[in-house]
Amino acid sequence: MAEKTDWEMKAANLLKAELKRKGVTYAGLVERLAQLGVDEKEVNVRNKLSRGKFTAAFLLQCLSAIGSSSLHLD
Protein backbone atom coordinates (compact mmCIF):
# COMPACT_ATOMS: atom_id res chain seq x y z
CA MET A 1 0.00 0.00 0.00
CA ALA A 2 1.29 3.44 -0.89
CA GLU A 3 2.25 5.80 1.90
CA LYS A 4 -0.08 8.67 2.73
CA THR A 5 2.44 11.16 1.37
CA ASP A 6 2.50 9.26 -1.94
CA TRP A 7 -1.25 9.87 -2.27
CA GLU A 8 -0.87 13.49 -1.25
CA MET A 9 1.80 14.08 -3.88
CA LYS A 10 -0.29 12.27 -6.49
CA ALA A 11 -3.17 14.67 -5.76
CA ALA A 12 -0.83 17.69 -5.90
CA ASN A 13 0.74 16.51 -9.17
CA LEU A 14 -2.70 15.90 -10.65
CA LEU A 15 -3.76 19.46 -9.83
CA LYS A 16 -0.46 20.93 -11.07
CA ALA A 17 -0.85 19.03 -14.35
CA GLU A 18 -4.38 20.37 -14.81
CA LEU A 19 -3.20 23.92 -14.12
CA LYS A 20 -0.43 23.53 -16.69
CA ARG A 21 -2.79 21.93 -19.23
CA LYS A 22 -5.21 24.84 -18.83
CA GLY A 23 -2.40 27.43 -18.86
CA VAL A 24 -3.33 28.76 -15.42
CA THR A 25 -0.69 30.14 -13.05
CA TYR A 26 -1.01 30.12 -9.27
CA ALA A 27 -1.87 33.83 -9.42
CA GLY A 28 -4.53 33.09 -12.02
CA LEU A 29 -5.91 30.29 -9.87
CA VAL A 30 -6.20 32.65 -6.90
CA GLU A 31 -8.15 35.11 -9.06
CA ARG A 32 -10.47 32.39 -10.32
CA LEU A 33 -11.00 31.01 -6.82
CA ALA A 34 -11.94 34.52 -5.66
CA GLN A 35 -14.66 34.58 -8.31
CA LEU A 36 -16.10 31.47 -6.63
CA GLY A 37 -15.94 33.16 -3.22
CA VAL A 38 -12.86 31.21 -2.10
CA ASP A 39 -10.34 33.49 -0.39
CA GLU A 40 -6.79 32.19 -0.88
CA LYS A 41 -3.44 33.88 -1.16
CA GLU A 42 -0.97 32.86 -3.85
CA VAL A 43 1.67 31.88 -1.30
CA ASN A 44 -0.82 29.61 0.47
CA VAL A 45 -1.79 27.90 -2.78
CA ARG A 46 1.88 27.44 -3.66
CA ASN A 47 2.58 25.91 -0.23
CA LYS A 48 -0.43 23.59 -0.39
CA LEU A 49 0.62 22.26 -3.77
CA SER A 50 4.28 21.92 -2.85
CA ARG A 51 3.44 19.96 0.34
CA GLY A 52 0.54 18.07 -1.17
CA LYS A 53 -1.54 18.98 1.89
CA PHE A 54 -5.02 20.13 0.97
CA THR A 55 -8.58 18.94 1.30
CA ALA A 56 -10.67 17.25 -1.33
CA ALA A 57 -12.92 20.33 -1.19
CA PHE A 58 -9.95 22.55 -2.14
CA LEU A 59 -9.11 20.21 -5.03
CA LEU A 60 -12.70 20.40 -6.29
CA GLN A 61 -12.77 24.18 -5.90
CA CYS A 62 -9.58 24.50 -7.94
CA LEU A 63 -10.79 22.15 -10.65
CA SER A 64 -14.07 24.02 -10.87
CA ALA A 65 -12.29 27.38 -10.96
CA ILE A 66 -10.14 26.36 -13.92
CA GLY A 67 -13.00 24.70 -15.78
CA SER A 68 -11.88 21.07 -15.57
CA SER A 69 -14.83 18.77 -16.05
CA SER A 70 -12.96 15.45 -16.15
CA LEU A 71 -9.68 13.98 -14.91
CA HIS A 72 -7.42 11.17 -16.04
CA LEU A 73 -5.98 9.41 -13.01
CA ASP A 74 -3.39 7.30 -14.79
PDB file of N, CA and C in Angstrom:
ATOM      1  N   MET A   1       0.852  -1.194   0.000  1.00  0.00           N
ATOM      2  CA  MET A   1       0.000   0.000   0.000  1.00  0.00           C
ATOM      3  C   MET A   1       0.883   1.239   0.000  1.00  0.00           C
ATOM      4  N   ALA A   2       0.523   2.203  -0.796  1.00  0.00           N
ATOM      5  CA  ALA A   2       1.295   3.443  -0.885  1.00  0.00           C
ATOM      6  C   ALA A   2       1.185   4.238   0.406  1.00  0.00           C
ATOM      7  N   GLU A   3       2.250   4.930   0.721  1.00  0.00           N
ATOM      8  CA  GLU A   3       2.254   5.802   1.898  1.00  0.00           C
ATOM      9  C   GLU A   3       1.297   6.967   1.687  1.00  0.00           C
ATOM     10  N   LYS A   4       0.835   7.531   2.810  1.00  0.00           N
ATOM     11  CA  LYS A   4      -0.076   8.672   2.726  1.00  0.00           C
ATOM     12  C   LYS A   4       0.539   9.804   1.900  1.00  0.00           C
ATOM     13  N   THR A   5       1.810  10.061   2.100  1.00  0.00           N
ATOM     14  CA  THR A   5       2.443  11.159   1.369  1.00  0.00           C
ATOM     15  C   THR A   5       2.477  10.878  -0.133  1.00  0.00           C
ATOM     16  N   ASP A   6       2.547   9.596  -0.516  1.00  0.00           N
ATOM     17  CA  ASP A   6       2.495   9.264  -1.944  1.00  0.00           C
ATOM     18  C   ASP A   6       1.162   9.708  -2.533  1.00  0.00           C
ATOM     19  N   TRP A   7       0.079   9.465  -1.812  1.00  0.00           N
ATOM     20  CA  TRP A   7      -1.254   9.870  -2.274  1.00  0.00           C
ATOM     21  C   TRP A   7      -1.389  11.385  -2.296  1.00  0.00           C
ATOM     22  N   GLU A   8      -0.816  12.032  -1.293  1.00  0.00           N
ATOM     23  CA  GLU A   8      -0.874  13.495  -1.249  1.00  0.00           C
ATOM     24  C   GLU A   8      -0.138  14.090  -2.437  1.00  0.00           C
ATOM     25  N   MET A   9       1.034  13.547  -2.752  1.00  0.00           N
ATOM     26  CA  MET A   9       1.797  14.077  -3.879  1.00  0.00           C
ATOM     27  C   MET A   9       1.120  13.742  -5.209  1.00  0.00           C
ATOM     28  N   LYS A  10       0.451  12.596  -5.271  1.00  0.00           N
ATOM     29  CA  LYS A  10      -0.290  12.271  -6.492  1.00  0.00           C
ATOM     30  C   LYS A  10      -1.401  13.300  -6.717  1.00  0.00           C
ATOM     31  N   ALA A  11      -2.113  13.665  -5.648  1.00  0.00           N
ATOM     32  CA  ALA A  11      -3.172  14.675  -5.759  1.00  0.00           C
ATOM     33  C   ALA A  11      -2.582  16.025  -6.180  1.00  0.00           C
ATOM     34  N   ALA A  12      -1.467  16.408  -5.562  1.00  0.00           N
ATOM     35  CA  ALA A  12      -0.833  17.686  -5.901  1.00  0.00           C
ATOM     36  C   ALA A  12      -0.361  17.686  -7.354  1.00  0.00           C
ATOM     37  N   ASN A  13       0.250  16.592  -7.784  1.00  0.00           N
ATOM     38  CA  ASN A  13       0.736  16.514  -9.165  1.00  0.00           C
ATOM     39  C   ASN A  13      -0.410  16.522 -10.161  1.00  0.00           C
ATOM     40  N   LEU A  14      -1.507  15.891  -9.791  1.00  0.00           N
ATOM     41  CA  LEU A  14      -2.696  15.900 -10.646  1.00  0.00           C
ATOM     42  C   LEU A  14      -3.197  17.326 -10.841  1.00  0.00           C
ATOM     43  N   LEU A  15      -3.284  18.075  -9.742  1.00  0.00           N
ATOM     44  CA  LEU A  15      -3.757  19.460  -9.829  1.00  0.00           C
ATOM     45  C   LEU A  15      -2.763  20.328 -10.590  1.00  0.00           C
ATOM     46  N   LYS A  16      -1.478  20.155 -10.334  1.00  0.00           N
ATOM     47  CA  LYS A  16      -0.464  20.927 -11.066  1.00  0.00           C
ATOM     48  C   LYS A  16      -0.548  20.652 -12.565  1.00  0.00           C
ATOM     49  N   ALA A  17      -0.738  19.388 -12.930  1.00  0.00           N
ATOM     50  CA  ALA A  17      -0.848  19.028 -14.347  1.00  0.00           C
ATOM     51  C   ALA A  17      -2.062  19.691 -14.990  1.00  0.00           C
ATOM     52  N   GLU A  18      -3.181  19.719 -14.275  1.00  0.00           N
ATOM     53  CA  GLU A  18      -4.384  20.369 -14.806  1.00  0.00           C
ATOM     54  C   GLU A  18      -4.171  21.864 -14.969  1.00  0.00           C
ATOM     55  N   LEU A  19      -3.505  22.488 -14.016  1.00  0.00           N
ATOM     56  CA  LEU A  19      -3.202  23.917 -14.118  1.00  0.00           C
ATOM     57  C   LEU A  19      -2.346  24.176 -15.354  1.00  0.00           C
ATOM     58  N   LYS A  20      -1.323  23.356 -15.537  1.00  0.00           N
ATOM     59  CA  LYS A  20      -0.434  23.530 -16.690  1.00  0.00           C
ATOM     60  C   LYS A  20      -1.197  23.293 -17.991  1.00  0.00           C
ATOM     61  N   ARG A  21      -2.007  22.248 -18.020  1.00  0.00           N
ATOM     62  CA  ARG A  21      -2.785  21.927 -19.230  1.00  0.00           C
ATOM     63  C   ARG A  21      -3.720  23.072 -19.607  1.00  0.00           C
ATOM     64  N   LYS A  22      -4.287  23.728 -18.588  1.00  0.00           N
ATOM     65  CA  LYS A  22      -5.210  24.841 -18.834  1.00  0.00           C
ATOM     66  C   LYS A  22      -4.492  26.175 -18.988  1.00  0.00           C
ATOM     67  N   GLY A  23      -3.164  26.186 -18.738  1.00  0.00           N
ATOM     68  CA  GLY A  23      -2.395  27.426 -18.859  1.00  0.00           C
ATOM     69  C   GLY A  23      -2.689  28.416 -17.746  1.00  0.00           C
ATOM     70  N   VAL A  24      -2.968  27.900 -16.549  1.00  0.00           N
ATOM     71  CA  VAL A  24      -3.332  28.759 -15.415  1.00  0.00           C
ATOM     72  C   VAL A  24      -2.180  28.785 -14.412  1.00  0.00           C
ATOM     73  N   THR A  25      -1.730  29.974 -14.064  1.00  0.00           N
ATOM     74  CA  THR A  25      -0.689  30.144 -13.046  1.00  0.00           C
ATOM     75  C   THR A  25      -1.320  30.113 -11.661  1.00  0.00           C
ATOM     76  N   TYR A  26      -0.490  30.061 -10.642  1.00  0.00           N
ATOM     77  CA  TYR A  26      -1.007  30.119  -9.272  1.00  0.00           C
ATOM     78  C   TYR A  26      -1.750  31.436  -9.040  1.00  0.00           C
ATOM     79  N   ALA A  27      -1.200  32.529  -9.561  1.00  0.00           N
ATOM     80  CA  ALA A  27      -1.866  33.831  -9.420  1.00  0.00           C
ATOM     81  C   ALA A  27      -3.224  33.804 -10.121  1.00  0.00           C
ATOM     82  N   GLY A  28      -3.265  33.207 -11.301  1.00  0.00           N
ATOM     83  CA  GLY A  28      -4.525  33.089 -12.021  1.00  0.00           C
ATOM     84  C   GLY A  28      -5.525  32.223 -11.282  1.00  0.00           C
ATOM     85  N   LEU A  29      -5.030  31.159 -10.656  1.00  0.00           N
ATOM     86  CA  LEU A  29      -5.906  30.287  -9.867  1.00  0.00           C
ATOM     87  C   LEU A  29      -6.508  31.057  -8.702  1.00  0.00           C
ATOM     88  N   VAL A  30      -5.704  31.849  -8.030  1.00  0.00           N
ATOM     89  CA  VAL A  30      -6.195  32.649  -6.895  1.00  0.00           C
ATOM     90  C   VAL A  30      -7.307  33.590  -7.360  1.00  0.00           C
ATOM     91  N   GLU A  31      -7.125  34.216  -8.510  1.00  0.00           N
ATOM     92  CA  GLU A  31      -8.151  35.114  -9.056  1.00  0.00           C
ATOM     93  C   GLU A  31      -9.439  34.353  -9.366  1.00  0.00           C
ATOM     94  N   ARG A  32      -9.294  33.184  -9.964  1.00  0.00           N
ATOM     95  CA  ARG A  32     -10.467  32.387 -10.321  1.00  0.00           C
ATOM     96  C   ARG A  32     -11.168  31.843  -9.083  1.00  0.00           C
ATOM     97  N   LEU A  33     -10.397  31.471  -8.077  1.00  0.00           N
ATOM     98  CA  LEU A  33     -11.000  31.013  -6.823  1.00  0.00           C
ATOM     99  C   LEU A  33     -11.789  32.146  -6.174  1.00  0.00           C
ATOM    100  N   ALA A  34     -11.250  33.360  -6.234  1.00  0.00           N
ATOM    101  CA  ALA A  34     -11.937  34.516  -5.658  1.00  0.00           C
ATOM    102  C   ALA A  34     -13.296  34.723  -6.309  1.00  0.00           C
ATOM    103  N   GLN A  35     -13.385  34.449  -7.606  1.00  0.00           N
ATOM    104  CA  GLN A  35     -14.665  34.581  -8.313  1.00  0.00           C
ATOM    105  C   GLN A  35     -15.695  33.578  -7.798  1.00  0.00           C
ATOM    106  N   LEU A  36     -15.206  32.470  -7.218  1.00  0.00           N
ATOM    107  CA  LEU A  36     -16.103  31.471  -6.627  1.00  0.00           C
ATOM    108  C   LEU A  36     -16.375  31.749  -5.153  1.00  0.00           C
ATOM    109  N   GLY A  37     -15.763  32.826  -4.633  1.00  0.00           N
ATOM    110  CA  GLY A  37     -15.938  33.156  -3.218  1.00  0.00           C
ATOM    111  C   GLY A  37     -14.953  32.461  -2.298  1.00  0.00           C
ATOM    112  N   VAL A  38     -13.894  31.907  -2.880  1.00  0.00           N
ATOM    113  CA  VAL A  38     -12.863  31.211  -2.102  1.00  0.00           C
ATOM    114  C   VAL A  38     -11.683  32.158  -1.933  1.00  0.00           C
ATOM    115  N   ASP A  39     -11.407  32.532  -0.686  1.00  0.00           N
ATOM    116  CA  ASP A  39     -10.343  33.492  -0.388  1.00  0.00           C
ATOM    117  C   ASP A  39      -9.038  32.747  -0.098  1.00  0.00           C
ATOM    118  N   GLU A  40      -8.115  32.807  -1.035  1.00  0.00           N
ATOM    119  CA  GLU A  40      -6.794  32.192  -0.881  1.00  0.00           C
ATOM    120  C   GLU A  40      -5.743  33.200  -1.314  1.00  0.00           C
ATOM    121  N   LYS A  41      -4.575  33.069  -0.746  1.00  0.00           N
ATOM    122  CA  LYS A  41      -3.440  33.878  -1.157  1.00  0.00           C
ATOM    123  C   LYS A  41      -2.527  32.997  -2.011  1.00  0.00           C
ATOM    124  N   GLU A  42      -1.829  33.626  -2.944  1.00  0.00           N
ATOM    125  CA  GLU A  42      -0.971  32.858  -3.851  1.00  0.00           C
ATOM    126  C   GLU A  42       0.057  32.035  -3.083  1.00  0.00           C
ATOM    127  N   VAL A  43       0.655  32.609  -2.069  1.00  0.00           N
ATOM    128  CA  VAL A  43       1.670  31.884  -1.297  1.00  0.00           C
ATOM    129  C   VAL A  43       1.070  30.649  -0.619  1.00  0.00           C
ATOM    130  N   ASN A  44      -0.180  30.754  -0.158  1.00  0.00           N
ATOM    131  CA  ASN A  44      -0.824  29.607   0.475  1.00  0.00           C
ATOM    132  C   ASN A  44      -1.103  28.500  -0.537  1.00  0.00           C
ATOM    133  N   VAL A  45      -1.537  28.879  -1.723  1.00  0.00           N
ATOM    134  CA  VAL A  45      -1.790  27.896  -2.782  1.00  0.00           C
ATOM    135  C   VAL A  45      -0.478  27.212  -3.148  1.00  0.00           C
ATOM    136  N   ARG A  46       0.564  27.991  -3.314  1.00  0.00           N
ATOM    137  CA  ARG A  46       1.882  27.445  -3.657  1.00  0.00           C
ATOM    138  C   ARG A  46       2.341  26.448  -2.590  1.00  0.00           C
ATOM    139  N   ASN A  47       2.171  26.803  -1.323  1.00  0.00           N
ATOM    140  CA  ASN A  47       2.576  25.911  -0.235  1.00  0.00           C
ATOM    141  C   ASN A  47       1.738  24.639  -0.201  1.00  0.00           C
ATOM    142  N   LYS A  48       0.438  24.771  -0.383  1.00  0.00           N
ATOM    143  CA  LYS A  48      -0.434  23.588  -0.390  1.00  0.00           C
ATOM    144  C   LYS A  48      -0.009  22.615  -1.472  1.00  0.00           C
ATOM    145  N   LEU A  49       0.259  23.133  -2.659  1.00  0.00           N
ATOM    146  CA  LEU A  49       0.619  22.257  -3.766  1.00  0.00           C
ATOM    147  C   LEU A  49       2.031  21.697  -3.614  1.00  0.00           C
ATOM    148  N   SER A  50       2.924  22.440  -3.017  1.00  0.00           N
ATOM    149  CA  SER A  50       4.277  21.916  -2.851  1.00  0.00           C
ATOM    150  C   SER A  50       4.315  20.841  -1.765  1.00  0.00           C
ATOM    151  N   ARG A  51       3.504  20.971  -0.734  1.00  0.00           N
ATOM    152  CA  ARG A  51       3.444  19.963   0.340  1.00  0.00           C
ATOM    153  C   ARG A  51       2.501  18.819  -0.001  1.00  0.00           C
ATOM    154  N   GLY A  52       1.549  19.086  -0.871  1.00  0.00           N
ATOM    155  CA  GLY A  52       0.537  18.072  -1.165  1.00  0.00           C
ATOM    156  C   GLY A  52      -0.516  17.973  -0.081  1.00  0.00           C
ATOM    157  N   LYS A  53      -0.602  18.981   0.760  1.00  0.00           N
ATOM    158  CA  LYS A  53      -1.537  18.976   1.893  1.00  0.00           C
ATOM    159  C   LYS A  53      -2.698  19.920   1.624  1.00  0.00           C
ATOM    160  N   PHE A  54      -3.814  19.345   1.162  1.00  0.00           N
ATOM    161  CA  PHE A  54      -5.021  20.126   0.973  1.00  0.00           C
ATOM    162  C   PHE A  54      -6.211  19.183   0.991  1.00  0.00           C
ATOM    163  N   THR A  55      -7.372  19.756   1.204  1.00  0.00           N
ATOM    164  CA  THR A  55      -8.584  18.941   1.302  1.00  0.00           C
ATOM    165  C   THR A  55      -9.125  18.596  -0.078  1.00  0.00           C
ATOM    166  N   ALA A  56      -9.981  17.606  -0.088  1.00  0.00           N
ATOM    167  CA  ALA A  56     -10.674  17.254  -1.331  1.00  0.00           C
ATOM    168  C   ALA A  56     -11.535  18.428  -1.783  1.00  0.00           C
ATOM    169  N   ALA A  57     -12.105  19.161  -0.842  1.00  0.00           N
ATOM    170  CA  ALA A  57     -12.921  20.326  -1.187  1.00  0.00           C
ATOM    171  C   ALA A  57     -12.070  21.362  -1.927  1.00  0.00           C
ATOM    172  N   PHE A  58     -10.843  21.601  -1.462  1.00  0.00           N
ATOM    173  CA  PHE A  58      -9.949  22.546  -2.138  1.00  0.00           C
ATOM    174  C   PHE A  58      -9.635  22.062  -3.544  1.00  0.00           C
ATOM    175  N   LEU A  59      -9.376  20.775  -3.708  1.00  0.00           N
ATOM    176  CA  LEU A  59      -9.111  20.213  -5.028  1.00  0.00           C
ATOM    177  C   LEU A  59     -10.296  20.462  -5.962  1.00  0.00           C
ATOM    178  N   LEU A  60     -11.500  20.192  -5.473  1.00  0.00           N
ATOM    179  CA  LEU A  60     -12.701  20.400  -6.289  1.00  0.00           C
ATOM    180  C   LEU A  60     -12.918  21.875  -6.614  1.00  0.00           C
ATOM    181  N   GLN A  61     -12.649  22.744  -5.655  1.00  0.00           N
ATOM    182  CA  GLN A  61     -12.772  24.182  -5.899  1.00  0.00           C
ATOM    183  C   GLN A  61     -11.809  24.615  -7.008  1.00  0.00           C
ATOM    184  N   CYS A  62     -10.577  24.138  -6.932  1.00  0.00           N
ATOM    185  CA  CYS A  62      -9.576  24.498  -7.938  1.00  0.00           C
ATOM    186  C   CYS A  62      -9.974  23.981  -9.313  1.00  0.00           C
ATOM    187  N   LEU A  63     -10.396  22.733  -9.368  1.00  0.00           N
ATOM    188  CA  LEU A  63     -10.786  22.150 -10.652  1.00  0.00           C
ATOM    189  C   LEU A  63     -11.974  22.885 -11.248  1.00  0.00           C
ATOM    190  N   SER A  64     -12.919  23.250 -10.404  1.00  0.00           N
ATOM    191  CA  SER A  64     -14.067  24.015 -10.868  1.00  0.00           C
ATOM    192  C   SER A  64     -13.634  25.393 -11.364  1.00  0.00           C
ATOM    193  N   ALA A  65     -12.745  26.034 -10.616  1.00  0.00           N
ATOM    194  CA  ALA A  65     -12.289  27.379 -10.957  1.00  0.00           C
ATOM    195  C   ALA A  65     -11.583  27.422 -12.312  1.00  0.00           C
ATOM    196  N   ILE A  66     -10.872  26.348 -12.657  1.00  0.00           N
ATOM    197  CA  ILE A  66     -10.141  26.358 -13.923  1.00  0.00           C
ATOM    198  C   ILE A  66     -10.918  25.691 -15.053  1.00  0.00           C
ATOM    199  N   GLY A  67     -12.121  25.245 -14.737  1.00  0.00           N
ATOM    200  CA  GLY A  67     -12.999  24.703 -15.785  1.00  0.00           C
ATOM    201  C   GLY A  67     -12.705  23.275 -16.188  1.00  0.00           C
ATOM    202  N   SER A  68     -12.140  22.491 -15.277  1.00  0.00           N
ATOM    203  CA  SER A  68     -11.881  21.071 -15.570  1.00  0.00           C
ATOM    204  C   SER A  68     -13.142  20.286 -15.258  1.00  0.00           C
ATOM    205  N   SER A  69     -13.610  19.548 -16.247  1.00  0.00           N
ATOM    206  CA  SER A  69     -14.828  18.767 -16.052  1.00  0.00           C
ATOM    207  C   SER A  69     -14.546  17.276 -15.952  1.00  0.00           C
ATOM    208  N   SER A  70     -13.317  16.872 -16.273  1.00  0.00           N
ATOM    209  CA  SER A  70     -12.955  15.452 -16.147  1.00  0.00           C
ATOM    210  C   SER A  70     -11.472  15.349 -15.856  1.00  0.00           C
ATOM    211  N   LEU A  71     -11.082  14.226 -15.253  1.00  0.00           N
ATOM    212  CA  LEU A  71      -9.682  13.977 -14.914  1.00  0.00           C
ATOM    213  C   LEU A  71      -9.265  12.604 -15.392  1.00  0.00           C
ATOM    214  N   HIS A  72      -7.997  12.468 -15.728  1.00  0.00           N
ATOM    215  CA  HIS A  72      -7.419  11.174 -16.041  1.00  0.00           C
ATOM    216  C   HIS A  72      -6.463  10.844 -14.894  1.00  0.00           C
ATOM    217  N   LEU A  73      -6.744   9.749 -14.199  1.00  0.00           N
ATOM    218  CA  LEU A  73      -5.981   9.413 -13.013  1.00  0.00           C
ATOM    219  C   LEU A  73      -4.757   8.548 -13.279  1.00  0.00           C
ATOM    220  N   ASP A  74      -4.547   8.143 -14.510  1.00  0.00           N
ATOM    221  CA  ASP A  74      -3.389   7.305 -14.793  1.00  0.00           C
ATOM    222  C   ASP A  74      -2.200   8.085 -15.271  1.00  0.00           C
TER     223      ASP A  74
END
